[in-house]
Each structure stands twice: as C-alpha cells, then as structure tokens.
Amino acid sequence: MYNFTEDDTLYGDFHRRANSKLKKKMLISLSIQGLLDLFVAGISLVIGLGIFALIATILCSAAFLHSTKDVS
C-alpha cells in the first residue's frame, strides 16, 4: 500500500513552489538590505571624514597664521 506524503499532493507542490519563491524574495531583500547598509555606511564615512577635514583645515590654518606672525 502506498502512503501519500506531502510532496505527492497538489498542496505539497504548491507549498514547495511557494517556498522557492519566498526564498528568492528573501535573498533579494537581503541583498538590497546589504547594499543599503553599505550605502548608508559610505555616506556616514564621507560625512565623518568631511568634519575631520574641516577641523584639521581650521587648526592647520590657525597654526600657520600663528607661526607667520612670529616670523614677520
């Protein structure tokens, strides 16, 4: 006597295809989420380095102006 399993039924086939589609959607959403994470991290890095460069420029300019007053 043959015992039907979930894979032998129409529901099993539908369930298997639905899981396959769900896995593909999850994989796509994970890759999109990863790309967005990298994008946000890149923007944060640019902003942080920009603030660092601004402060370094101000400090270097102040040091330069301070040293030129002593020489002249």
PDB file of N, CA and C in Angstrom:
ATOM      1  N   MET A   1       0.834  -1.171   0.000  1.00  0.00           N
ATOM      2  CA  MET A   1       0.000   0.000   0.000  1.00  0.00           C
ATOM      3  C   MET A   1       0.887   1.245   0.000  1.00  0.00           C
ATOM      4  N   TYR A   2       0.508   2.202  -0.790  1.00  0.00           N
ATOM      5  CA  TYR A   2       1.301   3.423  -0.950  1.00  0.00           C
ATOM      6  C   TYR A   2       0.791   4.496   0.000  1.00  0.00           C
ATOM      7  N   ASN A   3       1.685   5.078   0.757  1.00  0.00           N
ATOM      8  CA  ASN A   3       1.325   6.182   1.654  1.00  0.00           C
ATOM      9  C   ASN A   3       1.649   7.503   0.956  1.00  0.00           C
ATOM     10  N   PHE A   4       0.663   8.347   0.855  1.00  0.00           N
ATOM     11  CA  PHE A   4       0.885   9.648   0.245  1.00  0.00           C
ATOM     12  C   PHE A   4       1.618  10.553   1.231  1.00  0.00           C
ATOM     13  N   THR A   5       2.564  11.238   0.715  1.00  0.00           N
ATOM     14  CA  THR A   5       3.271  12.226   1.534  1.00  0.00           C
ATOM     15  C   THR A   5       2.873  13.620   1.072  1.00  0.00           C
ATOM     16  N   GLU A   6       3.365  14.593   1.765  1.00  0.00           N
ATOM     17  CA  GLU A   6       3.024  15.976   1.428  1.00  0.00           C
ATOM     18  C   GLU A   6       3.544  16.338   0.038  1.00  0.00           C
ATOM     19  N   ASP A   7       4.662  15.755  -0.354  1.00  0.00           N
ATOM     20  CA  ASP A   7       5.240  16.065  -1.661  1.00  0.00           C
ATOM     21  C   ASP A   7       4.429  15.486  -2.810  1.00  0.00           C
ATOM     22  N   ASP A   8       3.618  14.465  -2.547  1.00  0.00           N
ATOM     23  CA  ASP A   8       2.841  13.835  -3.606  1.00  0.00           C
ATOM     24  C   ASP A   8       1.543  14.570  -3.902  1.00  0.00           C
ATOM     25  N   THR A   9       1.145  15.459  -3.064  1.00  0.00           N
ATOM     26  CA  THR A   9      -0.136  16.135  -3.243  1.00  0.00           C
ATOM     27  C   THR A   9       0.048  17.440  -3.991  1.00  0.00           C
ATOM     28  N   LEU A  10      -1.056  17.968  -4.454  1.00  0.00           N
ATOM     29  CA  LEU A  10      -1.029  19.270  -5.113  1.00  0.00           C
ATOM     30  C   LEU A  10      -0.593  20.344  -4.128  1.00  0.00           C
ATOM     31  N   TYR A  11      -1.027  20.189  -2.880  1.00  0.00           N
ATOM     32  CA  TYR A  11      -0.634  21.152  -1.854  1.00  0.00           C
ATOM     33  C   TYR A  11       0.879  21.141  -1.662  1.00  0.00           C
ATOM     34  N   GLY A  12       1.463  19.954  -1.656  1.00  0.00           N
ATOM     35  CA  GLY A  12       2.911  19.846  -1.474  1.00  0.00           C
ATOM     36  C   GLY A  12       3.662  20.543  -2.590  1.00  0.00           C
ATOM     37  N   ASP A  13       3.193  20.381  -3.830  1.00  0.00           N
ATOM     38  CA  ASP A  13       3.834  21.036  -4.963  1.00  0.00           C
ATOM     39  C   ASP A  13       3.699  22.550  -4.849  1.00  0.00           C
ATOM     40  N   PHE A  14       2.501  23.003  -4.495  1.00  0.00           N
ATOM     41  CA  PHE A  14       2.270  24.438  -4.315  1.00  0.00           C
ATOM     42  C   PHE A  14       3.146  24.979  -3.188  1.00  0.00           C
ATOM     43  N   HIS A  15       3.197  24.209  -2.103  1.00  0.00           N
ATOM     44  CA  HIS A  15       3.979  24.623  -0.943  1.00  0.00           C
ATOM     45  C   HIS A  15       5.462  24.724  -1.307  1.00  0.00           C
ATOM     46  N   ARG A  16       5.955  23.753  -2.076  1.00  0.00           N
ATOM     47  CA  ARG A  16       7.360  23.750  -2.481  1.00  0.00           C
ATOM     48  C   ARG A  16       7.670  24.949  -3.374  1.00  0.00           C
ATOM     49  N   ARG A  17       6.774  25.245  -4.337  1.00  0.00           N
ATOM     50  CA  ARG A  17       6.991  26.400  -5.217  1.00  0.00           C
ATOM     51  C   ARG A  17       6.897  27.710  -4.440  1.00  0.00           C
ATOM     52  N   ALA A  18       5.961  27.776  -3.490  1.00  0.00           N
ATOM     53  CA  ALA A  18       5.819  28.995  -2.683  1.00  0.00           C
ATOM     54  C   ALA A  18       7.066  29.219  -1.838  1.00  0.00           C
ATOM     55  N   ASN A  19       7.607  28.141  -1.276  1.00  0.00           N
ATOM     56  CA  ASN A  19       8.841  28.271  -0.501  1.00  0.00           C
ATOM     57  C   ASN A  19       9.989  28.728  -1.379  1.00  0.00           C
ATOM     58  N   SER A  20      10.051  28.220  -2.598  1.00  0.00           N
ATOM     59  CA  SER A  20      11.107  28.617  -3.518  1.00  0.00           C
ATOM     60  C   SER A  20      11.007  30.101  -3.847  1.00  0.00           C
ATOM     61  N   LYS A  21       9.789  30.570  -4.115  1.00  0.00           N
ATOM     62  CA  LYS A  21       9.602  31.995  -4.414  1.00  0.00           C
ATOM     63  C   LYS A  21       9.921  32.847  -3.195  1.00  0.00           C
ATOM     64  N   LEU A  22       9.523  32.360  -2.017  1.00  0.00           N
ATOM     65  CA  LEU A  22       9.784  33.107  -0.790  1.00  0.00           C
ATOM     66  C   LEU A  22      11.284  33.209  -0.529  1.00  0.00           C
ATOM     67  N   LYS A  23      11.994  32.119  -0.773  1.00  0.00           N
ATOM     68  CA  LYS A  23      13.443  32.139  -0.582  1.00  0.00           C
ATOM     69  C   LYS A  23      14.107  33.114  -1.545  1.00  0.00           C
ATOM     70  N   LYS A  24      13.632  33.158  -2.784  1.00  0.00           N
ATOM     71  CA  LYS A  24      14.194  34.104  -3.748  1.00  0.00           C
ATOM     72  C   LYS A  24      13.924  35.541  -3.319  1.00  0.00           C
ATOM     73  N   LYS A  25      12.702  35.811  -2.851  1.00  0.00           N
ATOM     74  CA  LYS A  25      12.369  37.167  -2.395  1.00  0.00           C
ATOM     75  C   LYS A  25      13.203  37.548  -1.183  1.00  0.00           C
ATOM     76  N   MET A  26      13.394  36.596  -0.271  1.00  0.00           N
ATOM     77  CA  MET A  26      14.198  36.887   0.910  1.00  0.00           C
ATOM     78  C   MET A  26      15.642  37.149   0.526  1.00  0.00           C
ATOM     79  N   LEU A  27      16.158  36.386  -0.434  1.00  0.00           N
ATOM     80  CA  LEU A  27      17.534  36.582  -0.883  1.00  0.00           C
ATOM     81  C   LEU A  27      17.693  37.943  -1.538  1.00  0.00           C
ATOM     82  N   ILE A  28      16.721  38.328  -2.355  1.00  0.00           N
ATOM     83  CA  ILE A  28      16.772  39.640  -3.000  1.00  0.00           C
ATOM     84  C   ILE A  28      16.674  40.741  -1.955  1.00  0.00           C
ATOM     85  N   SER A  29      15.772  40.576  -0.978  1.00  0.00           N
ATOM     86  CA  SER A  29      15.620  41.613   0.047  1.00  0.00           C
ATOM     87  C   SER A  29      16.869  41.703   0.913  1.00  0.00           C
ATOM     88  N   LEU A  30      17.515  40.565   1.172  1.00  0.00           N
ATOM     89  CA  LEU A  30      18.750  40.603   1.947  1.00  0.00           C
ATOM     90  C   LEU A  30      19.856  41.293   1.169  1.00  0.00           C
ATOM     91  N   SER A  31      19.933  41.055  -0.132  1.00  0.00           N
ATOM     92  CA  SER A  31      20.975  41.712  -0.912  1.00  0.00           C
ATOM     93  C   SER A  31      20.694  43.204  -1.025  1.00  0.00           C
ATOM     94  N   ILE A  32      19.418  43.580  -1.158  1.00  0.00           N
ATOM     95  CA  ILE A  32      19.078  45.003  -1.199  1.00  0.00           C
ATOM     96  C   ILE A  32      19.378  45.636   0.152  1.00  0.00           C
ATOM     97  N   GLN A  33      19.065  44.941   1.228  1.00  0.00           N
ATOM     98  CA  GLN A  33      19.338  45.472   2.561  1.00  0.00           C
ATOM     99  C   GLN A  33      20.845  45.629   2.771  1.00  0.00           C
ATOM    100  N   GLY A  34      21.611  44.674   2.298  1.00  0.00           N
ATOM    101  CA  GLY A  34      23.067  44.778   2.410  1.00  0.00           C
ATOM    102  C   GLY A  34      23.618  45.947   1.623  1.00  0.00           C
ATOM    103  N   LEU A  35      23.083  46.151   0.426  1.00  0.00           N
ATOM    104  CA  LEU A  35      23.524  47.290  -0.379  1.00  0.00           C
ATOM    105  C   LEU A  35      23.152  48.609   0.281  1.00  0.00           C
ATOM    106  N   LEU A  36      21.953  48.673   0.850  1.00  0.00           N
ATOM    107  CA  LEU A  36      21.553  49.898   1.554  1.00  0.00           C
ATOM    108  C   LEU A  36      22.425  50.134   2.783  1.00  0.00           C
ATOM    109  N   ASP A  37      22.781  49.072   3.488  1.00  0.00           N
ATOM    110  CA  ASP A  37      23.677  49.219   4.643  1.00  0.00           C
ATOM    111  C   ASP A  37      25.032  49.775   4.217  1.00  0.00           C
ATOM    112  N   LEU A  38      25.572  49.251   3.126  1.00  0.00           N
ATOM    113  CA  LEU A  38      26.850  49.763   2.626  1.00  0.00           C
ATOM    114  C   LEU A  38      26.736  51.207   2.174  1.00  0.00           C
ATOM    115  N   PHE A  39      25.614  51.548   1.545  1.00  0.00           N
ATOM    116  CA  PHE A  39      25.388  52.916   1.084  1.00  0.00           C
ATOM    117  C   PHE A  39      25.336  53.882   2.264  1.00  0.00           C
ATOM    118  N   VAL A  40      24.596  53.518   3.301  1.00  0.00           N
ATOM    119  CA  VAL A  40      24.489  54.375   4.488  1.00  0.00           C
ATOM    120  C   VAL A  40      25.838  54.472   5.201  1.00  0.00           C
ATOM    121  N   ALA A  41      26.564  53.370   5.272  1.00  0.00           N
ATOM    122  CA  ALA A  41      27.884  53.397   5.902  1.00  0.00           C
ATOM    123  C   ALA A  41      28.837  54.292   5.114  1.00  0.00           C
ATOM    124  N   GLY A  42      28.758  54.246   3.791  1.00  0.00           N
ATOM    125  CA  GLY A  42      29.601  55.107   2.962  1.00  0.00           C
ATOM    126  C   GLY A  42      29.286  56.576   3.163  1.00  0.00           C
ATOM    127  N   ILE A  43      28.004  56.900   3.222  1.00  0.00           N
ATOM    128  CA  ILE A  43      27.613  58.295   3.451  1.00  0.00           C
ATOM    129  C   ILE A  43      28.087  58.753   4.830  1.00  0.00           C
ATOM    130  N   SER A  44      27.945  57.909   5.833  1.00  0.00           N
ATOM    131  CA  SER A  44      28.406  58.260   7.180  1.00  0.00           C
ATOM    132  C   SER A  44      29.914  58.477   7.200  1.00  0.00           C
ATOM    133  N   LEU A  45      30.639  57.643   6.477  1.00  0.00           N
ATOM    134  CA  LEU A  45      32.090  57.787   6.406  1.00  0.00           C
ATOM    135  C   LEU A  45      32.477  59.095   5.736  1.00  0.00           C
ATOM    136  N   VAL A  46      31.809  59.445   4.657  1.00  0.00           N
ATOM    137  CA  VAL A  46      32.095  60.697   3.953  1.00  0.00           C
ATOM    138  C   VAL A  46      31.812  61.891   4.858  1.00  0.00           C
ATOM    139  N   ILE A  47      30.696  61.859   5.566  1.00  0.00           N
ATOM    140  CA  ILE A  47      30.362  62.966   6.473  1.00  0.00           C
ATOM    141  C   ILE A  47      31.394  63.059   7.599  1.00  0.00           C
ATOM    142  N   GLY A  48      31.752  61.929   8.177  1.00  0.00           N
ATOM    143  CA  GLY A  48      32.742  61.927   9.263  1.00  0.00           C
ATOM    144  C   GLY A  48      34.096  62.430   8.805  1.00  0.00           C
ATOM    145  N   LEU A  49      34.553  61.975   7.643  1.00  0.00           N
ATOM    146  CA  LEU A  49      35.839  62.447   7.126  1.00  0.00           C
ATOM    147  C   LEU A  49      35.774  63.913   6.733  1.00  0.00           C
ATOM    148  N   GLY A  50      34.615  64.364   6.263  1.00  0.00           N
ATOM    149  CA  GLY A  50      34.451  65.779   5.927  1.00  0.00           C
ATOM    150  C   GLY A  50      34.568  66.660   7.154  1.00  0.00           C
ATOM    151  N   ILE A  51      33.952  66.243   8.254  1.00  0.00           N
ATOM    152  CA  ILE A  51      34.062  67.005   9.506  1.00  0.00           C
ATOM    153  C   ILE A  51      35.505  67.000  10.000  1.00  0.00           C
ATOM    154  N   PHE A  52      36.161  65.845   9.910  1.00  0.00           N
ATOM    155  CA  PHE A  52      37.568  65.754  10.308  1.00  0.00           C
ATOM    156  C   PHE A  52      38.435  66.678   9.459  1.00  0.00           C
ATOM    157  N   ALA A  53      38.203  66.700   8.149  1.00  0.00           N
ATOM    158  CA  ALA A  53      38.988  67.559   7.261  1.00  0.00           C
ATOM    159  C   ALA A  53      38.745  69.032   7.560  1.00  0.00           C
ATOM    160  N   LEU A  54      37.517  69.399   7.864  1.00  0.00           N
ATOM    161  CA  LEU A  54      37.199  70.790   8.193  1.00  0.00           C
ATOM    162  C   LEU A  54      37.928  71.227   9.464  1.00  0.00           C
ATOM    163  N   ILE A  55      37.886  70.390  10.486  1.00  0.00           N
ATOM    164  CA  ILE A  55      38.571  70.724  11.739  1.00  0.00           C
ATOM    165  C   ILE A  55      40.079  70.779  11.523  1.00  0.00           C
ATOM    166  N   ALA A  56      40.631  69.822  10.772  1.00  0.00           N
ATOM    167  CA  ALA A  56      42.069  69.817  10.506  1.00  0.00           C
ATOM    168  C   ALA A  56      42.479  71.054   9.715  1.00  0.00           C
ATOM    169  N   THR A  57      41.661  71.477   8.765  1.00  0.00           N
ATOM    170  CA  THR A  57      41.966  72.670   7.979  1.00  0.00           C
ATOM    171  C   THR A  57      41.985  73.914   8.860  1.00  0.00           C
ATOM    172  N   ILE A  58      41.004  74.026   9.732  1.00  0.00           N
ATOM    173  CA  ILE A  58      40.947  75.191  10.630  1.00  0.00           C
ATOM    174  C   ILE A  58      42.155  75.209  11.565  1.00  0.00           C
ATOM    175  N   LEU A  59      42.492  74.053  12.128  1.00  0.00           N
ATOM    176  CA  LEU A  59      43.633  74.000  13.043  1.00  0.00           C
ATOM    177  C   LEU A  59      44.950  74.268  12.326  1.00  0.00           C
ATOM    178  N   CYS A  60      45.121  73.728  11.135  1.00  0.00           N
ATOM    179  CA  CYS A  60      46.353  73.971  10.377  1.00  0.00           C
ATOM    180  C   CYS A  60      46.457  75.434   9.961  1.00  0.00           C
ATOM    181  N   SER A  61      45.351  76.029   9.586  1.00  0.00           N
ATOM    182  CA  SER A  61      45.357  77.449   9.222  1.00  0.00           C
ATOM    183  C   SER A  61      45.704  78.309  10.429  1.00  0.00           C
ATOM    184  N   ALA A  62      45.145  77.975  11.576  1.00  0.00           N
ATOM    185  CA  ALA A  62      45.448  78.735  12.791  1.00  0.00           C
ATOM    186  C   ALA A  62      46.922  78.595  13.161  1.00  0.00           C
ATOM    187  N   ALA A  63      47.466  77.386  13.055  1.00  0.00           N
ATOM    188  CA  ALA A  63      48.880  77.175  13.364  1.00  0.00           C
ATOM    189  C   ALA A  63      49.765  77.925  12.372  1.00  0.00           C
ATOM    190  N   PHE A  64      49.396  77.928  11.106  1.00  0.00           N
ATOM    191  CA  PHE A  64      50.177  78.642  10.090  1.00  0.00           C
ATOM    192  C   PHE A  64      50.152  80.141  10.347  1.00  0.00           C
ATOM    193  N   LEU A  65      48.965  80.688  10.617  1.00  0.00           N
ATOM    194  CA  LEU A  65      48.865  82.125  10.869  1.00  0.00           C
ATOM    195  C   LEU A  65      49.599  82.519  12.148  1.00  0.00           C
ATOM    196  N   HIS A  66      49.565  81.654  13.147  1.00  0.00           N
ATOM    197  CA  HIS A  66      50.266  81.942  14.392  1.00  0.00           C
ATOM    198  C   HIS A  66      51.780  81.957  14.174  1.00  0.00           C
ATOM    199  N   SER A  67      52.286  81.018  13.370  1.00  0.00           N
ATOM    200  CA  SER A  67      53.735  80.957  13.147  1.00  0.00           C
ATOM    201  C   SER A  67      54.207  82.071  12.219  1.00  0.00           C
ATOM    202  N   THR A  68      53.402  82.548  11.300  1.00  0.00           N
ATOM    203  CA  THR A  68      53.832  83.628  10.402  1.00  0.00           C
ATOM    204  C   THR A  68      53.881  84.960  11.130  1.00  0.00           C
ATOM    205  N   LYS A  69      53.079  85.160  12.136  1.00  0.00           N
ATOM    206  CA  LYS A  69      53.141  86.404  12.907  1.00  0.00           C
ATOM    207  C   LYS A  69      54.451  86.480  13.686  1.00  0.00           C
ATOM    208  N   ASP A  70      54.942  85.351  14.164  1.00  0.00           N
ATOM    209  CA  ASP A  70      56.192  85.341  14.913  1.00  0.00           C
ATOM    210  C   ASP A  70      57.378  85.645  14.005  1.00  0.00           C
ATOM    211  N   VAL A  71      57.366  85.161  12.779  1.00  0.00           N
ATOM    212  CA  VAL A  71      58.491  85.335  11.865  1.00  0.00           C
ATOM    213  C   VAL A  71      58.567  86.775  11.376  1.00  0.00           C
ATOM    214  N   SER A  72      57.442  87.359  11.025  1.00  0.00           N
ATOM    215  CA  SER A  72      57.459  88.718  10.482  1.00  0.00           C
ATOM    216  C   SER A  72      57.464  89.698  11.606  1.00  0.00           C
TER     217      SER A  72
END
